N, C-alpha and C. Protein backbone atom coordinates (compact mmCIF):
# COMPACT_ATOMS: atom_id res chain seq x y z
N MET A 1 -71.46 -47.39 39.35
CA MET A 1 -70.64 -48.27 40.30
C MET A 1 -71.03 -49.81 40.20
N TYR A 2 -69.81 -50.56 40.15
CA TYR A 2 -69.93 -51.82 40.18
C TYR A 2 -69.45 -52.65 41.41
N PHE A 3 -70.11 -53.62 42.07
CA PHE A 3 -69.67 -54.12 43.20
C PHE A 3 -69.77 -55.81 43.05
N ARG A 4 -68.96 -56.33 43.68
CA ARG A 4 -69.14 -57.84 43.94
C ARG A 4 -70.27 -58.14 44.83
N LYS A 5 -70.47 -57.51 45.88
CA LYS A 5 -71.46 -57.69 46.81
C LYS A 5 -72.63 -56.70 46.70
N SER A 6 -73.70 -57.00 46.77
CA SER A 6 -74.82 -55.97 46.69
C SER A 6 -74.64 -55.11 47.91
N PRO A 7 -74.92 -53.93 47.80
CA PRO A 7 -74.95 -52.82 48.95
C PRO A 7 -76.18 -53.08 49.76
N ASP A 8 -76.17 -52.61 51.10
CA ASP A 8 -77.35 -52.59 51.83
C ASP A 8 -78.11 -51.45 51.42
N ARG A 9 -77.76 -50.47 51.01
CA ARG A 9 -78.43 -49.27 50.58
C ARG A 9 -77.64 -48.62 49.21
N ILE A 10 -78.33 -48.02 48.51
CA ILE A 10 -77.83 -46.89 47.49
C ILE A 10 -78.71 -45.63 47.43
N LYS A 11 -77.76 -44.62 47.50
CA LYS A 11 -78.37 -43.25 47.68
C LYS A 11 -77.90 -42.62 46.35
N LYS A 12 -78.65 -42.17 45.51
CA LYS A 12 -78.64 -41.39 44.06
C LYS A 12 -78.89 -39.92 44.66
N GLY A 13 -77.93 -39.27 44.61
CA GLY A 13 -78.04 -37.85 44.73
C GLY A 13 -77.49 -37.28 46.09
N ILE A 14 -77.15 -36.01 46.38
CA ILE A 14 -76.79 -35.62 47.58
C ILE A 14 -77.75 -34.93 48.41
N GLY A 15 -78.92 -34.51 47.46
CA GLY A 15 -79.90 -33.52 48.10
C GLY A 15 -79.99 -32.21 47.75
N TRP A 16 -79.45 -31.92 46.65
CA TRP A 16 -79.42 -30.60 46.06
C TRP A 16 -79.62 -30.73 44.62
N SER A 17 -80.84 -30.25 44.00
CA SER A 17 -81.19 -30.44 42.76
C SER A 17 -80.17 -29.91 41.84
N ASP A 18 -79.47 -28.90 41.88
CA ASP A 18 -78.46 -28.46 40.96
C ASP A 18 -77.55 -29.33 40.80
N MET A 19 -76.98 -29.91 41.62
CA MET A 19 -76.07 -31.09 41.59
C MET A 19 -76.50 -32.36 41.12
N ASP A 20 -77.58 -32.83 41.86
CA ASP A 20 -78.35 -33.97 41.51
C ASP A 20 -78.64 -34.06 39.98
N ASN A 21 -79.04 -33.12 39.31
CA ASN A 21 -79.53 -33.07 38.11
C ASN A 21 -78.47 -33.48 37.09
N GLU A 22 -77.30 -33.41 37.50
CA GLU A 22 -76.13 -33.57 36.68
C GLU A 22 -75.73 -34.88 36.89
N GLY A 23 -76.07 -35.56 37.90
CA GLY A 23 -75.70 -37.09 38.25
C GLY A 23 -74.36 -37.01 38.92
N ARG A 24 -73.93 -36.06 39.86
CA ARG A 24 -72.71 -36.01 40.46
C ARG A 24 -72.43 -36.84 41.64
N PHE A 25 -73.33 -37.38 42.17
CA PHE A 25 -73.02 -38.10 43.42
C PHE A 25 -74.01 -39.30 43.39
N ILE A 26 -73.35 -40.36 43.93
CA ILE A 26 -74.01 -41.64 44.41
C ILE A 26 -73.30 -42.24 45.38
N GLN A 27 -73.86 -43.00 46.44
CA GLN A 27 -73.32 -43.42 47.68
C GLN A 27 -74.01 -44.90 47.82
N ALA A 28 -73.09 -45.80 48.11
CA ALA A 28 -73.58 -47.28 48.33
C ALA A 28 -73.06 -47.61 49.82
N ASP A 29 -73.82 -48.11 50.46
CA ASP A 29 -73.47 -48.37 51.82
C ASP A 29 -73.37 -49.83 52.03
N PHE A 30 -72.36 -50.23 52.82
CA PHE A 30 -72.16 -51.54 53.18
C PHE A 30 -71.76 -51.71 54.72
N GLY A 31 -72.86 -52.21 55.44
CA GLY A 31 -72.63 -52.03 57.13
C GLY A 31 -72.32 -50.59 57.22
N LYS A 32 -71.16 -50.44 58.06
CA LYS A 32 -70.46 -49.00 58.40
C LYS A 32 -69.76 -48.24 57.57
N LEU A 33 -69.73 -49.01 56.15
CA LEU A 33 -68.88 -48.39 55.21
C LEU A 33 -69.64 -47.80 54.05
N SER A 34 -69.25 -46.48 53.80
CA SER A 34 -70.09 -45.90 52.56
C SER A 34 -69.04 -45.77 51.42
N VAL A 35 -69.49 -46.07 50.41
CA VAL A 35 -68.49 -45.77 49.15
C VAL A 35 -69.24 -44.83 48.36
N VAL A 36 -68.51 -43.55 47.93
CA VAL A 36 -69.36 -42.48 47.40
C VAL A 36 -68.48 -42.08 46.05
N SER A 37 -69.35 -42.10 45.05
CA SER A 37 -68.79 -41.54 43.75
C SER A 37 -69.06 -40.15 43.65
N LEU A 38 -67.88 -39.28 43.54
CA LEU A 38 -68.18 -37.79 43.52
C LEU A 38 -67.56 -37.33 42.18
N TYR A 39 -68.44 -36.56 41.48
CA TYR A 39 -67.85 -35.94 40.12
C TYR A 39 -68.03 -34.40 40.31
N LEU A 40 -66.91 -33.73 40.56
CA LEU A 40 -66.98 -32.48 40.48
C LEU A 40 -67.01 -31.79 39.17
N PRO A 41 -67.63 -30.63 38.97
CA PRO A 41 -67.76 -30.11 37.62
C PRO A 41 -66.37 -29.55 37.27
N SER A 42 -66.11 -29.60 36.03
CA SER A 42 -65.00 -28.68 35.41
C SER A 42 -65.27 -27.31 35.26
N GLY A 43 -64.43 -26.52 35.56
CA GLY A 43 -64.44 -25.10 35.40
C GLY A 43 -63.98 -24.54 34.25
N THR A 44 -63.39 -25.36 33.38
CA THR A 44 -62.63 -24.99 32.15
C THR A 44 -63.41 -24.23 31.06
N SER A 45 -64.78 -24.37 31.05
CA SER A 45 -65.48 -23.83 29.82
C SER A 45 -65.84 -22.42 30.38
N GLY A 46 -65.50 -21.82 31.54
CA GLY A 46 -65.85 -20.45 31.69
C GLY A 46 -66.28 -20.19 33.31
N GLU A 47 -66.43 -18.87 33.23
CA GLU A 47 -66.58 -18.32 34.67
C GLU A 47 -67.86 -18.86 35.40
N GLU A 48 -69.06 -19.10 34.60
CA GLU A 48 -70.25 -19.62 35.15
C GLU A 48 -69.96 -21.09 35.55
N ARG A 49 -69.31 -21.91 34.92
CA ARG A 49 -69.16 -23.18 35.36
C ARG A 49 -67.90 -23.35 36.55
N GLN A 50 -67.15 -22.41 36.56
CA GLN A 50 -66.25 -22.38 37.71
C GLN A 50 -67.00 -22.03 39.05
N ASN A 51 -67.78 -20.94 38.72
CA ASN A 51 -68.71 -20.50 40.02
C ASN A 51 -69.51 -21.71 40.46
N PHE A 52 -69.92 -22.37 39.39
CA PHE A 52 -70.91 -23.68 39.89
C PHE A 52 -70.02 -24.62 40.57
N LYS A 53 -68.68 -24.71 40.16
CA LYS A 53 -67.84 -25.71 40.70
C LYS A 53 -67.60 -25.32 42.35
N TYR A 54 -67.40 -24.10 42.23
CA TYR A 54 -67.27 -23.51 43.88
C TYR A 54 -68.50 -23.77 44.70
N LYS A 55 -69.62 -23.68 44.14
CA LYS A 55 -70.89 -23.99 44.77
C LYS A 55 -71.00 -25.43 45.21
N VAL A 56 -70.55 -26.33 44.32
CA VAL A 56 -70.65 -27.73 44.52
C VAL A 56 -69.69 -28.09 45.46
N MET A 57 -68.40 -27.64 45.52
CA MET A 57 -67.46 -27.87 46.54
C MET A 57 -67.82 -27.43 47.85
N ASP A 58 -68.59 -26.14 48.05
CA ASP A 58 -69.17 -25.71 49.39
C ASP A 58 -70.33 -26.71 49.77
N TYR A 59 -71.14 -27.09 48.89
CA TYR A 59 -72.19 -27.93 49.37
C TYR A 59 -71.55 -29.25 49.72
N PHE A 60 -70.81 -29.68 49.11
CA PHE A 60 -70.12 -31.29 49.52
C PHE A 60 -69.50 -30.94 50.82
N GLU A 61 -68.83 -29.78 50.89
CA GLU A 61 -68.05 -29.61 52.27
C GLU A 61 -69.00 -29.84 53.49
N LYS A 62 -70.05 -29.06 53.36
CA LYS A 62 -71.18 -29.15 54.55
C LYS A 62 -71.95 -30.58 54.53
N TRP A 63 -72.11 -31.25 53.55
CA TRP A 63 -72.48 -32.54 53.59
C TRP A 63 -71.54 -33.47 54.31
N LEU A 64 -70.08 -33.22 53.98
CA LEU A 64 -69.18 -34.22 54.40
C LEU A 64 -69.11 -33.85 55.84
N ARG A 65 -69.23 -32.77 56.41
CA ARG A 65 -69.09 -32.42 57.82
C ARG A 65 -70.22 -33.04 58.51
N LYS A 66 -71.33 -33.24 57.94
CA LYS A 66 -72.47 -33.86 58.61
C LYS A 66 -72.41 -35.26 58.64
N ALA A 67 -71.94 -35.83 57.68
CA ALA A 67 -71.77 -37.27 57.36
C ALA A 67 -70.82 -37.64 58.01
N ARG A 68 -69.53 -37.08 58.51
CA ARG A 68 -68.40 -37.45 59.38
C ARG A 68 -68.89 -37.74 60.78
N LYS A 69 -69.95 -36.86 61.29
CA LYS A 69 -70.54 -36.99 62.69
C LYS A 69 -71.38 -38.42 62.85
N LEU A 70 -71.60 -38.91 61.74
CA LEU A 70 -72.46 -40.06 61.85
C LEU A 70 -71.64 -41.41 62.25
N GLY A 71 -70.28 -41.30 62.25
CA GLY A 71 -69.44 -42.48 62.71
C GLY A 71 -69.33 -43.31 61.63
N ARG A 72 -69.54 -43.10 60.56
CA ARG A 72 -69.35 -44.04 59.39
C ARG A 72 -67.89 -43.82 58.67
N GLU A 73 -67.46 -45.07 58.29
CA GLU A 73 -66.37 -45.04 57.63
C GLU A 73 -66.67 -44.71 55.99
N PHE A 74 -65.72 -44.04 55.24
CA PHE A 74 -65.89 -43.68 53.75
C PHE A 74 -64.66 -43.88 52.91
N ILE A 75 -65.11 -43.98 51.83
CA ILE A 75 -64.07 -44.13 50.66
C ILE A 75 -64.83 -43.21 49.57
N ILE A 76 -64.21 -42.10 49.14
CA ILE A 76 -64.92 -40.98 48.46
C ILE A 76 -63.97 -40.95 47.11
N CYS A 77 -64.73 -41.43 45.99
CA CYS A 77 -63.78 -41.65 44.73
C CYS A 77 -64.40 -41.01 43.65
N GLY A 78 -63.63 -40.82 42.57
CA GLY A 78 -64.27 -40.14 41.58
C GLY A 78 -63.31 -38.96 40.72
N ASP A 79 -63.87 -38.36 39.85
CA ASP A 79 -63.17 -37.38 39.05
C ASP A 79 -63.41 -36.03 39.99
N TRP A 80 -62.49 -35.37 40.42
CA TRP A 80 -62.72 -34.26 41.32
C TRP A 80 -62.38 -32.75 40.51
N ASN A 81 -61.70 -33.19 39.27
CA ASN A 81 -61.45 -32.07 38.49
C ASN A 81 -60.34 -30.99 39.13
N ILE A 82 -59.43 -31.60 39.99
CA ILE A 82 -58.60 -30.58 40.78
C ILE A 82 -57.18 -31.46 40.82
N ALA A 83 -56.16 -30.93 40.45
CA ALA A 83 -54.97 -31.36 40.92
C ALA A 83 -54.53 -30.85 42.17
N HIS A 84 -54.32 -31.59 43.14
CA HIS A 84 -54.18 -30.95 44.48
C HIS A 84 -52.59 -30.34 44.67
N LYS A 85 -51.77 -30.95 44.22
CA LYS A 85 -50.16 -30.67 44.46
C LYS A 85 -49.40 -30.61 43.34
N GLU A 86 -48.48 -29.86 43.21
CA GLU A 86 -47.60 -29.61 42.11
C GLU A 86 -47.25 -31.05 41.43
N ILE A 87 -46.98 -32.14 42.36
CA ILE A 87 -46.54 -33.40 41.88
C ILE A 87 -47.76 -33.98 40.96
N ASP A 88 -48.96 -33.32 41.03
CA ASP A 88 -50.24 -34.08 40.60
C ASP A 88 -50.41 -33.62 39.06
N LEU A 89 -49.61 -32.74 38.48
CA LEU A 89 -49.70 -32.45 37.03
C LEU A 89 -48.37 -31.94 36.39
N LYS A 90 -48.17 -32.47 35.25
CA LYS A 90 -46.73 -32.38 34.51
C LYS A 90 -46.49 -30.84 34.59
N ASN A 91 -47.36 -29.97 33.93
CA ASN A 91 -46.98 -28.65 33.75
C ASN A 91 -47.60 -27.75 34.83
N TRP A 92 -47.30 -27.83 36.08
CA TRP A 92 -47.93 -27.03 37.26
C TRP A 92 -47.66 -25.65 37.12
N LYS A 93 -46.59 -25.39 36.79
CA LYS A 93 -46.09 -23.77 36.46
C LYS A 93 -47.05 -23.03 35.56
N SER A 94 -47.28 -23.57 34.62
CA SER A 94 -48.12 -22.80 33.43
C SER A 94 -49.63 -23.13 33.85
N ASN A 95 -49.86 -23.63 34.74
CA ASN A 95 -51.39 -23.92 35.02
C ASN A 95 -52.00 -23.30 36.32
N GLN A 96 -51.05 -22.40 36.90
CA GLN A 96 -51.47 -21.84 38.15
C GLN A 96 -52.82 -20.91 38.20
N LYS A 97 -53.01 -20.57 37.04
CA LYS A 97 -54.23 -19.78 37.13
C LYS A 97 -55.24 -20.49 36.24
N ASN A 98 -55.23 -21.73 36.11
CA ASN A 98 -56.38 -22.54 35.40
C ASN A 98 -57.00 -23.14 36.18
N SER A 99 -58.47 -23.15 35.85
CA SER A 99 -59.36 -24.20 36.62
C SER A 99 -58.59 -25.83 36.86
N GLY A 100 -58.77 -26.21 37.99
CA GLY A 100 -58.24 -27.43 38.25
C GLY A 100 -56.84 -27.37 38.95
N PHE A 101 -56.31 -26.06 39.12
CA PHE A 101 -55.03 -25.89 39.78
C PHE A 101 -55.00 -24.67 40.49
N LEU A 102 -56.41 -23.89 40.65
CA LEU A 102 -56.45 -22.79 41.20
C LEU A 102 -56.19 -22.82 42.71
N PRO A 103 -55.54 -21.76 43.32
CA PRO A 103 -55.25 -21.87 44.81
C PRO A 103 -56.56 -22.24 45.60
N ALA A 104 -57.61 -21.47 45.39
CA ALA A 104 -58.85 -22.01 45.93
C ALA A 104 -59.21 -23.34 46.04
N GLU A 105 -59.08 -24.02 44.94
CA GLU A 105 -59.52 -25.35 44.59
C GLU A 105 -58.32 -26.24 45.38
N ARG A 106 -57.08 -25.77 45.36
CA ARG A 106 -56.22 -26.70 46.06
C ARG A 106 -56.28 -26.55 47.69
N GLU A 107 -56.66 -25.38 48.16
CA GLU A 107 -56.57 -25.18 49.51
C GLU A 107 -57.98 -26.13 50.00
N TRP A 108 -59.15 -26.24 49.19
CA TRP A 108 -60.17 -27.08 49.58
C TRP A 108 -59.73 -28.70 49.62
N MET A 109 -58.79 -28.88 48.80
CA MET A 109 -58.40 -30.35 48.62
C MET A 109 -57.51 -30.39 49.89
N THR A 110 -56.92 -29.63 50.32
CA THR A 110 -55.96 -29.86 51.64
C THR A 110 -56.90 -30.00 52.77
N LYS A 111 -58.13 -29.36 52.84
CA LYS A 111 -59.12 -29.74 54.02
C LYS A 111 -59.18 -31.07 54.28
N TYR A 112 -59.43 -32.05 53.28
CA TYR A 112 -59.93 -33.30 53.53
C TYR A 112 -58.72 -34.06 54.43
N SER A 113 -57.52 -33.61 54.33
CA SER A 113 -56.52 -34.31 55.14
C SER A 113 -56.28 -33.56 56.49
N GLY A 114 -56.96 -32.65 56.69
CA GLY A 114 -56.78 -31.76 57.85
C GLY A 114 -57.99 -32.02 58.71
N LYS A 115 -58.99 -30.93 58.77
CA LYS A 115 -59.99 -30.90 59.77
C LYS A 115 -61.04 -32.02 59.39
N TRP A 116 -61.07 -32.61 58.01
CA TRP A 116 -62.05 -33.62 57.53
C TRP A 116 -61.64 -34.85 58.04
N GLY A 117 -60.38 -35.08 58.26
CA GLY A 117 -59.73 -36.41 58.65
C GLY A 117 -59.79 -37.35 57.50
N PHE A 118 -59.57 -37.16 56.21
CA PHE A 118 -59.40 -38.24 55.19
C PHE A 118 -57.95 -38.13 54.76
N PHE A 119 -57.71 -39.45 54.09
CA PHE A 119 -56.35 -39.51 53.41
C PHE A 119 -56.70 -39.71 51.81
N ASP A 120 -55.58 -39.05 51.01
CA ASP A 120 -55.50 -39.32 49.74
C ASP A 120 -54.82 -40.72 49.75
N VAL A 121 -55.65 -41.81 49.45
CA VAL A 121 -55.04 -43.21 49.68
C VAL A 121 -53.97 -43.49 48.51
N PHE A 122 -54.14 -42.84 47.20
CA PHE A 122 -53.15 -43.17 46.21
C PHE A 122 -51.72 -42.49 46.80
N ARG A 123 -51.78 -41.30 47.07
CA ARG A 123 -50.55 -40.54 47.50
C ARG A 123 -50.13 -41.04 48.95
N LYS A 124 -50.81 -41.73 49.68
CA LYS A 124 -50.47 -42.33 50.76
C LYS A 124 -49.48 -43.54 50.83
N LEU A 125 -49.72 -44.28 49.49
CA LEU A 125 -48.89 -45.50 49.08
C LEU A 125 -47.95 -45.03 47.83
N ASN A 126 -48.10 -44.15 47.11
CA ASN A 126 -47.10 -43.78 46.15
C ASN A 126 -47.18 -42.36 45.91
N GLN A 127 -45.82 -41.90 46.22
CA GLN A 127 -45.15 -40.71 46.34
C GLN A 127 -44.48 -40.37 44.81
N ASN A 128 -44.47 -41.16 43.77
CA ASN A 128 -43.79 -41.09 42.80
C ASN A 128 -44.55 -39.85 41.79
N ALA A 129 -43.61 -39.18 41.26
CA ALA A 129 -43.98 -38.12 40.08
C ALA A 129 -44.61 -38.88 38.97
N GLU A 130 -45.24 -38.03 38.01
CA GLU A 130 -45.69 -38.38 36.75
C GLU A 130 -46.78 -39.58 36.97
N GLN A 131 -47.58 -39.55 37.95
CA GLN A 131 -48.66 -40.64 38.07
C GLN A 131 -49.98 -39.94 37.91
N TYR A 132 -50.48 -39.77 36.51
CA TYR A 132 -51.54 -39.04 36.09
C TYR A 132 -52.69 -40.04 35.72
N THR A 133 -53.99 -39.37 36.00
CA THR A 133 -55.10 -40.08 35.54
C THR A 133 -56.04 -39.44 34.51
N TRP A 134 -55.60 -38.20 33.96
CA TRP A 134 -56.19 -37.45 32.87
C TRP A 134 -55.15 -37.01 32.03
N TRP A 135 -55.46 -36.91 30.57
CA TRP A 135 -54.59 -36.51 29.62
C TRP A 135 -55.53 -35.67 28.71
N SER A 136 -55.13 -34.56 28.13
CA SER A 136 -55.91 -33.96 27.19
C SER A 136 -55.78 -34.72 25.93
N ASN A 137 -56.73 -34.38 24.99
CA ASN A 137 -56.95 -35.05 23.74
C ASN A 137 -55.80 -34.43 22.74
N ARG A 138 -55.33 -33.20 23.27
CA ARG A 138 -54.52 -32.56 22.25
C ARG A 138 -53.13 -32.76 22.58
N GLY A 139 -52.34 -32.55 21.48
CA GLY A 139 -50.87 -32.47 21.36
C GLY A 139 -50.08 -33.90 21.99
N ARG A 140 -50.71 -35.01 21.83
CA ARG A 140 -50.28 -36.29 22.13
C ARG A 140 -49.88 -36.42 23.55
N SER A 141 -50.73 -35.76 24.56
CA SER A 141 -50.69 -35.66 25.92
C SER A 141 -50.38 -37.10 26.59
N TRP A 142 -51.18 -37.97 25.97
CA TRP A 142 -51.27 -39.53 26.43
C TRP A 142 -49.93 -40.15 26.18
N GLU A 143 -49.62 -39.96 24.97
CA GLU A 143 -48.28 -40.63 24.65
C GLU A 143 -47.31 -40.07 25.41
N LYS A 144 -46.96 -38.70 25.62
CA LYS A 144 -45.80 -38.17 26.26
C LYS A 144 -46.04 -38.08 27.82
N ASN A 145 -47.17 -38.58 28.21
CA ASN A 145 -47.59 -38.82 29.69
C ASN A 145 -47.47 -37.09 30.23
N VAL A 146 -48.00 -36.34 29.50
CA VAL A 146 -48.26 -35.07 29.91
C VAL A 146 -49.72 -34.73 30.58
N GLY A 147 -49.98 -35.29 31.91
CA GLY A 147 -51.27 -35.26 32.38
C GLY A 147 -51.39 -34.46 33.66
N TRP A 148 -52.57 -35.09 34.23
CA TRP A 148 -53.06 -34.24 35.62
C TRP A 148 -53.60 -35.60 36.30
N ARG A 149 -53.33 -35.52 37.50
CA ARG A 149 -54.07 -36.57 38.65
C ARG A 149 -55.19 -35.81 39.28
N ILE A 150 -56.21 -36.02 38.75
CA ILE A 150 -57.66 -35.46 39.09
C ILE A 150 -58.55 -36.31 39.64
N ASP A 151 -58.30 -37.70 39.46
CA ASP A 151 -59.14 -38.77 39.83
C ASP A 151 -58.61 -39.16 41.28
N TYR A 152 -59.51 -39.47 42.39
CA TYR A 152 -58.99 -39.78 43.68
C TYR A 152 -59.83 -40.84 44.16
N GLN A 153 -59.42 -41.59 45.25
CA GLN A 153 -59.86 -42.28 46.38
C GLN A 153 -59.42 -41.62 47.55
N VAL A 154 -60.32 -40.96 48.40
CA VAL A 154 -60.01 -40.49 49.64
C VAL A 154 -60.71 -41.30 50.60
N ALA A 155 -60.12 -41.60 51.54
CA ALA A 155 -60.72 -42.48 52.78
C ALA A 155 -60.47 -42.16 54.16
N THR A 156 -61.49 -42.36 55.06
CA THR A 156 -61.35 -42.17 56.43
C THR A 156 -59.93 -43.01 56.92
N PRO A 157 -59.43 -42.69 58.07
CA PRO A 157 -58.13 -43.31 58.47
C PRO A 157 -58.17 -44.83 58.47
N ASP A 158 -59.01 -45.46 59.20
CA ASP A 158 -59.20 -46.78 59.44
C ASP A 158 -59.25 -47.45 58.02
N VAL A 159 -60.09 -46.91 57.00
CA VAL A 159 -60.11 -47.59 55.71
C VAL A 159 -58.75 -47.42 55.01
N ALA A 160 -58.37 -46.27 54.98
CA ALA A 160 -57.06 -45.78 54.38
C ALA A 160 -55.92 -46.88 54.79
N SER A 161 -55.96 -47.19 56.05
CA SER A 161 -54.79 -47.95 56.70
C SER A 161 -55.01 -49.54 56.14
N LYS A 162 -56.07 -49.64 55.35
CA LYS A 162 -56.19 -51.08 54.95
C LYS A 162 -55.95 -51.19 53.36
N ALA A 163 -55.41 -50.10 52.90
CA ALA A 163 -54.93 -50.04 51.44
C ALA A 163 -53.85 -50.84 51.29
N THR A 164 -53.61 -51.81 50.33
CA THR A 164 -52.43 -52.59 50.05
C THR A 164 -51.75 -52.32 48.85
N GLY A 165 -52.41 -51.70 47.85
CA GLY A 165 -51.85 -51.43 46.52
C GLY A 165 -52.39 -50.43 45.98
N VAL A 166 -51.82 -49.80 45.05
CA VAL A 166 -52.39 -48.42 44.19
C VAL A 166 -51.73 -48.83 42.67
N SER A 167 -52.50 -48.43 41.90
CA SER A 167 -52.18 -48.26 40.50
C SER A 167 -53.06 -47.45 39.76
N ILE A 168 -52.47 -47.05 38.43
CA ILE A 168 -53.23 -46.25 37.45
C ILE A 168 -53.22 -47.18 36.27
N PHE A 169 -54.15 -47.74 35.59
CA PHE A 169 -54.42 -48.73 34.55
C PHE A 169 -54.16 -47.88 33.27
N ARG A 170 -52.93 -48.15 32.63
CA ARG A 170 -52.84 -47.29 31.46
C ARG A 170 -52.62 -48.28 30.23
N GLU A 171 -52.73 -49.57 30.46
CA GLU A 171 -52.49 -50.66 29.51
C GLU A 171 -53.60 -50.49 28.12
N GLN A 172 -54.62 -49.85 28.36
CA GLN A 172 -55.71 -49.70 27.42
C GLN A 172 -56.21 -48.28 27.79
N ARG A 173 -56.50 -47.55 26.80
CA ARG A 173 -57.15 -46.48 26.90
C ARG A 173 -58.65 -46.45 26.48
N PHE A 174 -59.36 -45.94 27.60
CA PHE A 174 -60.89 -45.99 27.54
C PHE A 174 -61.42 -44.80 27.26
N SER A 175 -60.72 -43.63 27.73
CA SER A 175 -61.37 -42.21 27.49
C SER A 175 -60.11 -41.41 27.76
N ASP A 176 -60.50 -40.07 28.20
CA ASP A 176 -59.23 -39.06 28.61
C ASP A 176 -58.79 -39.40 30.00
N HIS A 177 -59.53 -40.37 30.70
CA HIS A 177 -59.14 -40.61 32.10
C HIS A 177 -58.69 -42.21 32.09
N ALA A 178 -57.79 -42.32 32.89
CA ALA A 178 -57.42 -43.68 33.33
C ALA A 178 -57.88 -44.23 34.69
N PRO A 179 -58.33 -45.60 34.72
CA PRO A 179 -59.02 -46.04 35.99
C PRO A 179 -57.84 -45.85 37.25
N LEU A 180 -58.24 -45.52 38.13
CA LEU A 180 -57.32 -45.56 39.49
C LEU A 180 -57.89 -46.66 40.40
N ILE A 181 -56.87 -47.64 40.61
CA ILE A 181 -57.09 -48.79 41.13
C ILE A 181 -56.42 -48.85 42.49
N ILE A 182 -57.30 -49.13 43.69
CA ILE A 182 -56.69 -49.28 44.82
C ILE A 182 -57.33 -50.53 45.60
N ASP A 183 -56.48 -51.25 46.13
CA ASP A 183 -56.76 -52.77 46.61
C ASP A 183 -56.76 -52.48 48.20
N TYR A 184 -57.83 -52.98 48.92
CA TYR A 184 -58.15 -52.81 50.37
C TYR A 184 -58.22 -54.26 50.91
N ASP A 185 -57.58 -54.45 52.06
CA ASP A 185 -57.88 -55.71 52.84
C ASP A 185 -59.20 -55.68 53.40
C-alpha cells in the first residue's frame, strides 16, 4: 500500500495463519477510516485451491461482520478473483462453470451490497460494459479487451458517496491486471 499521509496504524494479516502466510490481507487505519487490501485466492489451479478460496471467503465474511460492528468506515480493495456480474467479463456464458464466475462466488459477492452494507464503488459510478481489470496472457486478450473485472474497491455508504471518479488505467501494461483508480473527496 502506498499513501500520501502515514496511517495511524497498520495491521498485517487478518489473524488466520492459513491466509496470513500468503500475505492476503493488510489494513491501514486513518482516524475512523480503514483501507484494506484483500487478495482472494484463485481457484483456477484445481479443487484444493478452490476449496481454500471458499475457506478464505468464509473467514473474511466473519471478519467483516465483526468489523462492521465497530462503527468504522471502510474501503476494501484488491484482487478478489471473482467477476460479480455478467457485465464484469467478456465471455460470461462460457465461464459459468469456471472459478471466478461460479454461482457460489457470485452469491458471496452479492452479500456485500446487501446485508454487509457495502457498495461496489466502480459500478456505482460506471455501468459501462467491457470495463475489465484482468486479461489472460493467452490469445491477445489484452489487445482484444477480452477480460474480467476482478479487482474491486468496495466501500461503506458514507465513503462510497464521496467517490467522484473511476477509471481503469490501460495506457501502460504493468502485469495481467490494470490499476483500478477511484477518486474520493
